[in-house]
Each structure stands twice: as C-alpha cells, then as structure tokens.
Amino acid sequence: MKIIEFKIDMYEEVYSLWKKTELSLVSSDTKEEVERIVKLHPELFLVGIDRKSVV
C-alpha cells in the first residue's frame, strides 16, 4: 500500500468508501466543500492506494 495526497478526482471513490464503512457524513463532506478545504490544507488529506484502488 502507498500513502499519497488526496486529489479531488479521487472524491467519488473516497466518498463511496466512506459510505461503505458507515462513516457519519455531514454537510461539509460535499465535493465542493472538500475541494475548498483541500486547496487550503492539502497536507491534511491523505489516502491509501493498493492496486490502484483507494483503501
């Protein structure tokens, strides 16, 4: 597994993973809001990649 910075084009896959894990999603989890926060603090958003999939 590789840890990389989140890119907004990964949002759908990450959001799907959040839903599968029954994470409590809130209004600030929209694509637009996540994109805004990532632009301000990209170092806070990391994802694990395993065989080209977000894990």
C-alpha atoms as a PDB file:
ATOM      1  CA  MET A   1       0.000   0.000   0.000  1.00  0.00           C
ATOM      2  CA  LYS A   2       1.110   3.514  -0.799  1.00  0.00           C
ATOM      3  CA  ILE A   3       0.033   6.694   1.046  1.00  0.00           C
ATOM      4  CA  ILE A   4      -0.460   9.730  -1.201  1.00  0.00           C
ATOM      5  CA  GLU A   5      -2.047  13.182  -1.052  1.00  0.00           C
ATOM      6  CA  PHE A   6      -5.745  13.222  -1.904  1.00  0.00           C
ATOM      7  CA  LYS A   7      -6.677  14.694  -5.296  1.00  0.00           C
ATOM      8  CA  ILE A   8     -10.219  15.904  -5.943  1.00  0.00           C
ATOM      9  CA  ASP A   9     -10.614  13.445  -8.833  1.00  0.00           C
ATOM     10  CA  MET A  10     -10.487  10.703  -6.169  1.00  0.00           C
ATOM     11  CA  TYR A  11     -13.529  12.129  -4.387  1.00  0.00           C
ATOM     12  CA  GLU A  12     -16.148   9.699  -5.743  1.00  0.00           C
ATOM     13  CA  GLU A  13     -14.067   6.661  -4.803  1.00  0.00           C
ATOM     14  CA  VAL A  14     -13.271   8.067  -1.352  1.00  0.00           C
ATOM     15  CA  TYR A  15     -16.898   9.066  -0.743  1.00  0.00           C
ATOM     16  CA  SER A  16     -18.021   5.568  -1.730  1.00  0.00           C
ATOM     17  CA  LEU A  17     -15.552   4.102   0.770  1.00  0.00           C
ATOM     18  CA  TRP A  18     -16.852   6.440   3.493  1.00  0.00           C
ATOM     19  CA  LYS A  19     -20.403   5.231   2.823  1.00  0.00           C
ATOM     20  CA  LYS A  20     -19.386   1.543   2.822  1.00  0.00           C
ATOM     21  CA  THR A  21     -17.727   1.969   6.215  1.00  0.00           C
ATOM     22  CA  GLU A  22     -20.840   3.725   7.568  1.00  0.00           C
ATOM     23  CA  LEU A  23     -18.855   6.838   8.416  1.00  0.00           C
ATOM     24  CA  SER A  24     -21.100   9.638   9.657  1.00  0.00           C
ATOM     25  CA  LEU A  25     -21.258  12.020   6.716  1.00  0.00           C
ATOM     26  CA  VAL A  26     -22.131  15.676   7.215  1.00  0.00           C
ATOM     27  CA  SER A  27     -22.873  18.669   5.002  1.00  0.00           C
ATOM     28  CA  SER A  28     -19.185  19.593   4.828  1.00  0.00           C
ATOM     29  CA  ASP A  29     -18.416  16.286   3.072  1.00  0.00           C
ATOM     30  CA  THR A  30     -19.680  17.526  -0.298  1.00  0.00           C
ATOM     31  CA  LYS A  31     -17.274  17.515  -3.200  1.00  0.00           C
ATOM     32  CA  GLU A  32     -17.254  21.307  -3.320  1.00  0.00           C
ATOM     33  CA  GLU A  33     -16.503  21.683   0.388  1.00  0.00           C
ATOM     34  CA  VAL A  34     -13.801  19.007   0.376  1.00  0.00           C
ATOM     35  CA  GLU A  35     -12.196  20.651  -2.652  1.00  0.00           C
ATOM     36  CA  ARG A  36     -12.175  24.029  -0.878  1.00  0.00           C
ATOM     37  CA  ILE A  37     -10.537  22.598   2.239  1.00  0.00           C
ATOM     38  CA  VAL A  38      -8.006  20.543   0.248  1.00  0.00           C
ATOM     39  CA  LYS A  39      -6.866  23.713  -1.510  1.00  0.00           C
ATOM     40  CA  LEU A  40      -6.261  25.363   1.873  1.00  0.00           C
ATOM     41  CA  HIS A  41      -4.671  22.367   3.647  1.00  0.00           C
ATOM     42  CA  PRO A  42      -3.619  19.630   1.193  1.00  0.00           C
ATOM     43  CA  GLU A  43      -1.340  18.041   3.792  1.00  0.00           C
ATOM     44  CA  LEU A  44      -4.392  17.069   5.879  1.00  0.00           C
ATOM     45  CA  PHE A  45      -5.888  14.798   3.219  1.00  0.00           C
ATOM     46  CA  LEU A  46      -4.124  11.514   2.589  1.00  0.00           C
ATOM     47  CA  VAL A  47      -5.369   8.310   1.012  1.00  0.00           C
ATOM     48  CA  GLY A  48      -4.084   4.768   0.889  1.00  0.00           C
ATOM     49  CA  ILE A  49      -3.729   3.239  -2.580  1.00  0.00           C
ATOM     50  CA  ASP A  50      -3.487  -0.502  -3.083  1.00  0.00           C
ATOM     51  CA  ARG A  51      -3.505  -1.961  -6.588  1.00  0.00           C
ATOM     52  CA  LYS A  52      -4.794   1.348  -7.996  1.00  0.00           C
ATOM     53  CA  SER A  53      -7.760   1.422  -5.570  1.00  0.00           C
ATOM     54  CA  VAL A  54      -8.400   3.677  -2.595  1.00  0.00           C
ATOM     55  CA  VAL A  55      -8.324   1.679   0.633  1.00  0.00           C
END
